[in-house]
């Protein structure tokens, strides 16, 4: 079977009862987590910028937190809210991904399509399965392409499930999503911009447009991944086809991670350890900070610009910032990013050295070993961690997910409704977020 036929067969075949109770519960946790993050980012600079042009795209598709827009721009906006804070979930393999980015499109399209949340929950599980398998199949970042290319394919698959597409339509939606919209890795190197979150939002917009064009009868190339000049041939020749020969029931979501801290996932352990070290080094002169990590942690979070972040987007992808801010404040939350550009903090950041350890790289991503040593006037203090809180091997409890939601949204009363979402319409679910 080709990539296209295998994915489309899986999408068409999957049913709600294919999800185990564990998978269904995890999908609901991801929707709750994503909505909490989205509600907290409504007043972010890119969200405000997007709302300025929303009137140019009128429509009846619902926005998280209230409002309406055309389906594609609603998908863009909802995904932007979920993605901007870098606080939604993660999957790490040969390629990293934030699979909950696709939830923004499913909420917007489902809100007007009359979809039941049961259909949306299944579509999410299906999309996670496709996205995770793509990440397992080959690296994109090593080739200069962005992980949102995998997100586009997964979101198109998820929307196809939500809209009950047959195999032909599913392939067509995937094709119209990826063939014209291959994204470059430039979004995530050096000093970052609003497009760090906008890239995922645009992928949702592309997939939504493709789904609607497919419903209208607009045709696209029939082999967008395996064709002569298609995705595998041009972008990713080492894409492992064996992972798509037969896709079983959707369960990949069980291997993805929820974030404890609002920072890129490779810094989660570093924040936890730095917070633990903060009390130990308090009042002592810090002479150096050595962070030992794996290849992805070094190359993604420690290129030269990350020692002088001037905006939120760069700071939340900076190991030096995450470590120095945690050491100095003894806390790490959304307000921590007001320290970006702070001279006193940058002086501490200048003492941070990030080094890759080959043995740590070999363990990635089964574990994420990181070691921090702070040398002070009173001696050395060291912490080491292999599995951060929120990793599927060290998961956050429901109570911790709820606590994160409440701290982000300020709305504890919404939680019972969200836990019961399988008995709601998507429209009701999205409307309820406007009461937060």
Protein backbone atom coordinates (compact mmCIF):
# COMPACT_ATOMS: atom_id res chain seq x y z
CA UNK A 1 0.00 0.00 0.00
CA UNK A 2 1.15 3.56 -0.66
CA UNK A 3 1.38 6.11 2.13
CA UNK A 4 -1.79 7.72 0.85
CA UNK A 5 -3.85 4.55 0.65
CA UNK A 6 -2.68 3.34 4.06
CA UNK A 7 -3.50 6.63 5.80
CA UNK A 8 -6.85 7.04 4.03
CA UNK A 9 -7.83 3.43 4.78
CA UNK A 10 -7.04 4.01 8.47
CA UNK A 11 -9.00 7.26 8.54
CA UNK A 12 -12.07 5.72 6.91
CA UNK A 13 -11.96 2.53 9.00
CA UNK A 14 -11.51 4.06 12.47
CA UNK A 15 -14.54 4.15 14.74
CA UNK A 16 -15.26 5.67 18.15
CA UNK A 17 -15.23 2.26 19.83
CA UNK A 18 -11.69 1.67 18.52
CA UNK A 19 -10.49 4.04 21.21
CA UNK A 20 -9.77 2.33 24.51
CA UNK A 21 -11.03 4.00 27.67
CA UNK A 22 -7.45 5.10 28.34
CA UNK A 23 -7.12 6.69 24.90
CA UNK A 24 -10.48 8.46 25.15
CA UNK A 25 -9.57 9.86 28.56
CA UNK A 26 -6.22 11.07 27.26
CA UNK A 27 -7.84 12.80 24.29
CA UNK A 28 -10.18 14.65 26.65
CA UNK A 29 -7.20 15.69 28.78
CA UNK A 30 -5.54 17.17 25.67
CA UNK A 31 -8.64 19.15 24.74
CA UNK A 32 -8.87 20.51 28.29
CA UNK A 33 -5.17 21.35 28.33
CA UNK A 34 -5.32 23.01 24.91
CA UNK A 35 -8.35 25.14 25.77
CA UNK A 36 -6.70 26.28 28.99
CA UNK A 37 -3.58 27.35 27.15
CA UNK A 38 -5.65 29.04 24.44
CA UNK A 39 -7.71 31.06 26.89
CA UNK A 40 -4.53 32.31 28.56
CA UNK A 41 -3.09 33.60 25.27
CA UNK A 42 -6.06 35.64 24.03
CA UNK A 43 -4.30 38.92 24.82
CA UNK A 44 -0.94 37.90 23.38
CA UNK A 45 0.57 40.17 20.69
CA UNK A 46 -0.06 37.76 17.79
CA UNK A 47 -3.64 37.14 18.93
CA UNK A 48 -4.28 40.88 19.02
CA UNK A 49 -2.65 41.27 15.61
CA UNK A 50 -4.86 38.53 14.18
CA UNK A 51 -8.04 40.05 15.61
CA UNK A 52 -7.27 43.25 13.69
CA UNK A 53 -7.83 41.47 10.38
CA UNK A 54 -10.61 39.10 11.48
CA UNK A 55 -13.32 41.49 10.15
CA UNK A 56 -11.95 40.89 6.66
CA UNK A 57 -12.83 37.19 7.00
CA UNK A 58 -16.46 37.08 8.20
CA UNK A 59 -18.16 33.77 8.83
CA UNK A 60 -20.01 31.63 11.34
CA UNK A 61 -17.17 29.43 12.59
CA UNK A 62 -16.52 29.82 16.30
CA UNK A 63 -13.40 31.16 17.98
CA UNK A 64 -12.07 30.00 21.33
CA UNK A 65 -13.03 32.63 23.89
CA UNK A 66 -15.77 34.09 21.70
CA UNK A 67 -16.22 35.48 18.21
CA UNK A 68 -16.68 34.12 14.69
CA UNK A 69 -14.78 34.06 11.42
CA UNK A 70 -14.49 32.17 8.15
CA UNK A 71 -13.54 28.50 8.62
CA UNK A 72 -9.91 28.82 7.56
CA UNK A 73 -9.19 31.96 9.59
CA UNK A 74 -11.06 30.51 12.59
CA UNK A 75 -8.74 27.51 12.37
CA UNK A 76 -5.74 29.83 12.15
CA UNK A 77 -6.82 31.86 15.18
CA UNK A 78 -7.78 28.88 17.37
CA UNK A 79 -4.51 27.12 16.64
CA UNK A 80 -2.53 30.30 17.24
CA UNK A 81 -4.07 30.59 20.72
CA UNK A 82 -3.24 26.97 21.49
CA UNK A 83 0.31 27.21 20.16
CA UNK A 84 1.58 30.69 21.05
CA UNK A 85 2.57 30.15 24.70
CA UNK A 86 4.55 27.01 23.82
CA UNK A 87 2.59 25.32 26.58
CA UNK A 88 0.58 22.72 24.67
CA UNK A 89 1.57 19.10 24.32
CA UNK A 90 4.55 17.54 22.54
CA UNK A 91 5.71 14.37 20.83
CA UNK A 92 9.41 13.65 20.43
CA UNK A 93 10.87 11.11 18.03
CA UNK A 94 13.01 11.47 14.91
CA UNK A 95 11.00 14.68 14.49
CA UNK A 96 9.29 16.71 17.24
CA UNK A 97 5.66 17.74 16.96
CA UNK A 98 2.97 19.57 18.93
CA UNK A 99 0.07 17.31 17.95
CA UNK A 100 -2.58 19.29 19.87
CA UNK A 101 -2.04 22.11 17.37
CA UNK A 102 -4.60 20.27 15.20
CA UNK A 103 -7.32 20.70 17.82
CA UNK A 104 -7.79 24.34 16.80
CA UNK A 105 -8.97 23.36 13.32
CA UNK A 106 -11.25 20.63 14.61
CA UNK A 107 -12.92 23.03 17.03
CA UNK A 108 -13.53 25.65 14.36
CA UNK A 109 -14.77 23.32 11.62
CA UNK A 110 -16.78 21.17 14.01
CA UNK A 111 -18.50 24.21 15.50
CA UNK A 112 -20.34 24.93 12.25
CA UNK A 113 -20.52 21.45 10.73
CA UNK A 114 -22.90 20.26 13.45
CA UNK A 115 -20.33 17.75 14.67
CA UNK A 116 -20.69 15.82 17.90
CA UNK A 117 -17.75 15.96 20.28
CA UNK A 118 -17.56 12.17 20.02
CA UNK A 119 -16.68 12.62 16.34
CA UNK A 120 -14.14 15.28 17.23
CA UNK A 121 -12.52 13.12 19.92
CA UNK A 122 -12.10 10.27 17.44
CA UNK A 123 -10.72 12.66 14.83
CA UNK A 124 -8.12 13.88 17.34
CA UNK A 125 -7.02 10.32 18.13
CA UNK A 126 -6.76 9.58 14.40
CA UNK A 127 -4.77 12.76 13.74
CA UNK A 128 -2.37 12.01 16.61
CA UNK A 129 -1.76 8.53 15.19
CA UNK A 130 -0.88 9.86 11.74
CA UNK A 131 1.27 12.69 13.12
CA UNK A 132 3.22 10.49 15.53
CA UNK A 133 3.91 7.85 12.87
CA UNK A 134 5.24 10.52 10.54
CA UNK A 135 7.56 11.74 13.31
CA UNK A 136 8.73 8.17 13.83
CA UNK A 137 9.31 7.73 10.09
CA UNK A 138 11.93 10.44 9.44
CA UNK A 139 13.44 13.72 10.60
CA UNK A 140 12.47 16.96 8.89
CA UNK A 141 14.49 19.48 10.90
CA UNK A 142 17.77 17.83 9.86
CA UNK A 143 16.81 18.62 6.25
CA UNK A 144 15.79 22.24 6.87
CA UNK A 145 12.03 21.64 6.84
CA UNK A 146 9.61 22.46 9.63
CA UNK A 147 7.69 19.88 11.66
CA UNK A 148 4.41 21.60 10.73
CA UNK A 149 4.59 19.75 7.41
CA UNK A 150 3.72 16.62 9.38
CA UNK A 151 1.10 18.60 11.27
CA UNK A 152 -0.55 19.58 7.97
CA UNK A 153 -0.88 15.96 6.89
CA UNK A 154 -2.16 14.88 10.32
CA UNK A 155 -4.66 17.74 10.52
CA UNK A 156 -5.97 17.00 7.04
CA UNK A 157 -6.43 13.36 8.10
CA UNK A 158 -8.22 14.42 11.30
CA UNK A 159 -10.54 16.81 9.44
CA UNK A 160 -11.28 14.06 6.94
CA UNK A 161 -12.39 11.84 9.81
CA UNK A 162 -14.48 14.62 11.38
CA UNK A 163 -16.22 15.32 8.06
CA UNK A 164 -16.71 11.60 7.26
CA UNK A 165 -14.66 11.66 4.05
CA UNK A 166 -14.15 8.45 2.12
CA UNK A 167 -10.63 7.35 1.11
CA UNK A 168 -10.56 9.32 -2.12
CA UNK A 169 -11.60 12.55 -0.44
CA UNK A 170 -9.13 11.99 2.40
CA UNK A 171 -6.24 11.65 -0.04
CA UNK A 172 -7.45 14.72 -1.90
CA UNK A 173 -7.57 16.78 1.31
CA UNK A 174 -4.08 15.66 2.31
CA UNK A 175 -2.80 16.45 -1.17
CA UNK A 176 -4.26 19.94 -1.33
CA UNK A 177 -2.83 20.59 2.14
CA UNK A 178 0.79 19.50 1.66
CA UNK A 179 1.63 19.81 -2.04
CA UNK A 180 1.35 23.64 -2.21
CA UNK A 181 2.40 24.33 1.40
CA UNK A 182 5.79 22.88 2.33
CA UNK A 183 7.13 24.88 5.31
CA UNK A 184 10.79 25.75 5.99
CA UNK A 185 12.65 25.40 9.30
CA UNK A 186 13.69 29.07 9.21
CA UNK A 187 10.72 29.69 11.53
CA UNK A 188 12.68 28.16 14.44
CA UNK A 189 16.29 29.29 14.20
CA UNK A 190 18.07 32.31 15.65
CA UNK A 191 15.87 35.15 16.87
CA UNK A 192 12.30 33.94 16.59
CA UNK A 193 9.16 35.82 15.58
CA UNK A 194 5.40 35.49 15.90
CA UNK A 195 5.59 32.98 13.05
CA UNK A 196 6.92 30.35 15.48
CA UNK A 197 3.30 29.90 16.52
CA UNK A 198 1.92 31.20 13.25
CA UNK A 199 3.44 28.32 11.30
CA UNK A 200 1.22 25.81 13.09
CA UNK A 201 -1.76 28.12 12.76
CA UNK A 202 -1.15 28.41 9.04
CA UNK A 203 -1.00 24.63 8.76
CA UNK A 204 -4.47 24.46 10.30
CA UNK A 205 -5.64 27.11 7.86
CA UNK A 206 -4.20 25.18 4.92
CA UNK A 207 -5.80 21.91 6.02
CA UNK A 208 -9.16 23.60 6.56
CA UNK A 209 -9.09 25.21 3.11
CA UNK A 210 -8.17 21.82 1.62
CA UNK A 211 -11.06 20.09 3.38
CA UNK A 212 -13.58 22.66 2.15
CA UNK A 213 -12.17 22.63 -1.38
CA UNK A 214 -12.44 18.84 -1.35
CA UNK A 215 -16.09 19.05 -0.28
CA UNK A 216 -16.66 21.40 -3.20
CA UNK A 217 -15.19 18.91 -5.67
CA UNK A 218 -11.82 20.57 -6.32
CA UNK A 219 -9.29 17.84 -7.18
CA UNK A 220 -5.62 17.59 -6.22
CA UNK A 221 -2.70 15.28 -7.20
CA UNK A 222 -3.60 11.68 -6.22
CA UNK A 223 -0.14 10.78 -4.80
CA UNK A 224 0.98 13.75 -2.69
CA UNK A 225 3.43 11.73 -0.58
CA UNK A 226 4.60 8.85 -2.79
CA UNK A 227 4.35 10.39 -6.26
CA UNK A 228 7.17 11.12 -8.72
CA UNK A 229 7.77 14.68 -7.47
CA UNK A 230 5.86 14.42 -4.21
CA UNK A 231 6.71 14.85 -0.52
CA UNK A 232 8.82 11.69 -0.11
CA UNK A 233 10.82 12.26 -3.29
CA UNK A 234 11.50 15.98 -2.83
CA UNK A 235 11.40 16.63 0.93
CA UNK A 236 11.99 13.39 2.82
CA UNK A 237 13.42 10.50 0.83
CA UNK A 238 14.11 8.41 3.95
CA UNK A 239 10.47 8.40 5.10
CA UNK A 240 9.95 4.89 6.50
CA UNK A 241 7.04 3.32 4.64
CA UNK A 242 6.91 0.27 6.92
CA UNK A 243 5.24 2.30 9.67
CA UNK A 244 2.25 2.83 7.39
CA UNK A 245 1.69 -0.62 5.93
CA UNK A 246 -1.00 -1.40 8.46
CA UNK A 247 -2.15 1.11 11.04
CA UNK A 248 -4.08 -0.45 13.89
CA UNK A 249 -6.34 1.25 16.39
CA UNK A 250 -5.42 4.81 17.36
CA UNK A 251 -3.28 4.87 20.50
CA UNK A 252 -0.22 7.01 19.72
CA UNK A 253 -1.58 9.78 21.94
CA UNK A 254 -0.54 7.64 24.92
CA UNK A 255 3.11 8.27 23.99
CA UNK A 256 2.83 12.06 23.89
CA UNK A 257 3.55 14.55 26.67
CA UNK A 258 1.75 17.36 28.51
CA UNK A 259 3.86 20.33 29.60
CA UNK A 260 4.30 21.33 33.22
CA UNK A 261 6.05 24.61 32.36
CA UNK A 262 5.45 27.17 29.57
CA UNK A 263 8.71 26.48 27.74
CA UNK A 264 9.91 24.32 24.83
CA UNK A 265 9.80 20.66 25.87
CA UNK A 266 13.54 20.07 25.80
CA UNK A 267 13.84 22.60 28.63
CA UNK A 268 11.23 21.03 30.92
CA UNK A 269 13.78 19.04 32.95
CA UNK A 270 16.15 22.00 33.03
CA UNK A 271 13.48 24.20 34.60
CA UNK A 272 12.58 21.59 37.21
CA UNK A 273 16.22 21.07 38.16
CA UNK A 274 17.02 24.78 38.18
CA UNK A 275 14.09 25.41 40.51
CA UNK A 276 15.41 22.70 42.82
CA UNK A 277 18.89 24.27 42.69
CA UNK A 278 17.56 27.77 43.27
CA UNK A 279 17.12 27.37 47.01
CA UNK A 280 20.48 25.64 47.33
CA UNK A 281 22.46 28.44 45.68
CA UNK A 282 20.48 31.32 47.15
CA UNK A 283 22.81 33.93 48.63
CA UNK A 284 25.86 32.34 47.06
CA UNK A 285 27.99 33.74 44.24
CA UNK A 286 27.33 31.76 41.08
CA UNK A 287 30.52 31.34 39.08
CA UNK A 288 29.35 29.03 36.29
CA UNK A 289 26.41 26.89 35.19
CA UNK A 290 27.00 23.80 33.08
CA UNK A 291 24.03 22.23 31.29
CA UNK A 292 24.70 18.78 29.84
CA UNK A 293 22.04 17.68 27.40
CA UNK A 294 21.36 15.79 24.16
CA UNK A 295 21.67 16.94 20.53
CA UNK A 296 18.11 18.29 20.17
CA UNK A 297 18.36 20.30 23.38
CA UNK A 298 21.61 21.89 22.26
CA UNK A 299 20.79 22.61 18.63
CA UNK A 300 17.21 23.82 19.17
CA UNK A 301 17.68 25.76 22.41
CA UNK A 302 21.28 26.91 22.47
CA UNK A 303 22.24 28.57 19.18
CA UNK A 304 24.02 31.95 19.72
CA UNK A 305 20.90 34.15 19.67
CA UNK A 306 19.44 32.23 22.61
CA UNK A 307 21.86 33.97 25.03
CA UNK A 308 20.27 37.34 24.24
CA UNK A 309 16.51 36.79 23.76
CA UNK A 310 14.59 40.00 23.13
CA UNK A 311 11.08 38.59 22.80
CA UNK A 312 8.88 35.86 24.19
CA UNK A 313 9.25 33.63 21.14
CA UNK A 314 13.05 33.48 21.44
CA UNK A 315 13.09 33.25 25.25
CA UNK A 316 10.83 30.19 25.39
CA UNK A 317 13.26 28.44 23.04
CA UNK A 318 16.33 29.36 25.11
CA UNK A 319 17.99 26.95 27.53
CA UNK A 320 20.17 29.72 28.98
CA UNK A 321 17.07 31.82 29.69
CA UNK A 322 15.07 28.95 31.19
CA UNK A 323 17.92 27.94 33.49
CA UNK A 324 18.95 31.45 34.56
CA UNK A 325 15.38 32.64 35.13
CA UNK A 326 14.51 29.57 37.20
CA UNK A 327 17.68 29.89 39.28
CA UNK A 328 17.15 33.57 39.97
CA UNK A 329 13.38 33.63 40.56
CA UNK A 330 12.69 30.21 42.06
CA UNK A 331 9.58 30.06 39.90
CA UNK A 332 8.77 29.69 36.19
CA UNK A 333 5.42 30.76 34.78
CA UNK A 334 4.04 33.08 32.13
CA UNK A 335 5.24 36.23 33.88
CA UNK A 336 8.82 34.99 33.82
CA UNK A 337 9.16 36.17 30.23
CA UNK A 338 9.03 39.79 31.33
CA UNK A 339 12.70 39.19 32.19
CA UNK A 340 13.67 38.88 28.50
CA UNK A 341 16.30 41.53 27.92
CA UNK A 342 16.93 42.05 31.65
CA UNK A 343 20.63 42.95 32.08
CA UNK A 344 21.01 41.26 35.45
CA UNK A 345 19.53 38.04 34.10
CA UNK A 346 21.68 38.21 30.96
CA UNK A 347 24.75 38.45 33.18
CA UNK A 348 23.72 35.17 34.77
CA UNK A 349 22.93 33.72 31.34
CA UNK A 350 26.49 34.55 30.24
CA UNK A 351 27.69 32.07 32.86
CA UNK A 352 25.61 29.26 31.34
CA UNK A 353 27.42 26.71 29.17
CA UNK A 354 25.39 24.16 27.18
CA UNK A 355 27.17 21.00 26.06
CA UNK A 356 25.99 17.91 24.25
CA UNK A 357 26.75 14.51 25.73
CA UNK A 358 26.86 11.65 23.27
CA UNK A 359 25.49 9.16 25.81
CA UNK A 360 22.54 11.46 26.45
CA UNK A 361 21.89 11.81 22.71
CA UNK A 362 21.80 8.01 22.34
CA UNK A 363 19.03 7.82 24.95
CA UNK A 364 16.83 10.43 23.20
CA UNK A 365 13.77 10.35 23.04
CA UNK A 366 13.03 7.26 25.14
CA UNK A 367 14.33 9.41 27.95
CA UNK A 368 15.49 13.03 28.03
CA UNK A 369 18.57 13.01 30.28
CA UNK A 370 19.79 16.42 31.41
CA UNK A 371 22.34 17.34 34.07
CA UNK A 372 22.95 20.79 35.55
CA UNK A 373 25.94 21.74 37.70
CA UNK A 374 26.06 25.14 39.37
CA UNK A 375 29.51 26.14 40.60
CA UNK A 376 29.34 28.66 43.44
CA UNK A 377 31.62 30.31 45.97
CA UNK A 378 30.49 27.63 48.43
CA UNK A 379 30.99 24.62 46.16
CA UNK A 380 29.22 22.74 43.38
CA UNK A 381 25.54 21.79 43.30
CA UNK A 382 24.21 19.25 40.79
CA UNK A 383 20.84 17.91 39.68
CA UNK A 384 20.11 15.27 37.04
CA UNK A 385 16.81 14.15 35.50
CA UNK A 386 15.90 11.72 32.76
CA UNK A 387 12.10 11.85 32.59
CA UNK A 388 10.44 15.22 33.22
CA UNK A 389 6.99 15.55 34.73
CA UNK A 390 4.37 15.32 31.98
CA UNK A 391 6.31 12.76 29.92
CA UNK A 392 4.21 9.67 29.23
CA UNK A 393 6.55 7.74 31.53
CA UNK A 394 5.98 10.30 34.29
CA UNK A 395 2.51 11.68 33.47
CA UNK A 396 0.71 14.59 35.08
CA UNK A 397 -2.32 13.49 37.06
CA UNK A 398 -5.83 14.67 36.24
CA UNK A 399 -5.64 16.94 39.28
CA UNK A 400 -2.42 18.49 37.94
CA UNK A 401 -3.98 19.00 34.50
CA UNK A 402 -6.97 20.64 36.15
CA UNK A 403 -4.73 22.86 38.29
CA UNK A 404 -2.87 24.00 35.18
CA UNK A 405 -6.18 24.72 33.43
CA UNK A 406 -7.53 26.77 36.31
CA UNK A 407 -4.30 28.74 36.71
CA UNK A 408 -4.36 29.55 33.00
CA UNK A 409 -8.06 30.21 32.47
CA UNK A 410 -9.23 31.31 35.90
CA UNK A 411 -12.39 29.25 35.35
CA UNK A 412 -12.79 26.19 37.56
CA UNK A 413 -16.54 25.98 36.81
CA UNK A 414 -15.88 25.05 33.17
CA UNK A 415 -14.08 21.81 34.04
CA UNK A 416 -17.09 19.55 34.73
CA UNK A 417 -18.53 20.48 31.36
CA UNK A 418 -15.24 19.76 29.61
CA UNK A 419 -14.83 16.36 31.26
CA UNK A 420 -18.31 15.52 29.93
CA UNK A 421 -17.62 16.78 26.40
CA UNK A 422 -18.43 13.51 24.64
CA UNK A 423 -22.10 14.26 25.35
CA UNK A 424 -21.93 17.73 23.76
CA UNK A 425 -21.87 19.25 20.30
CA UNK A 426 -18.62 20.90 19.25
CA UNK A 427 -20.54 24.15 18.90
CA UNK A 428 -21.61 23.94 22.57
CA UNK A 429 -18.06 23.18 23.65
CA UNK A 430 -16.52 26.15 21.84
CA UNK A 431 -19.30 28.48 22.97
CA UNK A 432 -18.63 27.50 26.58
CA UNK A 433 -15.09 28.86 26.28
CA UNK A 434 -16.54 32.33 25.75
CA UNK A 435 -17.83 32.17 29.32
CA UNK A 436 -14.30 31.79 30.69
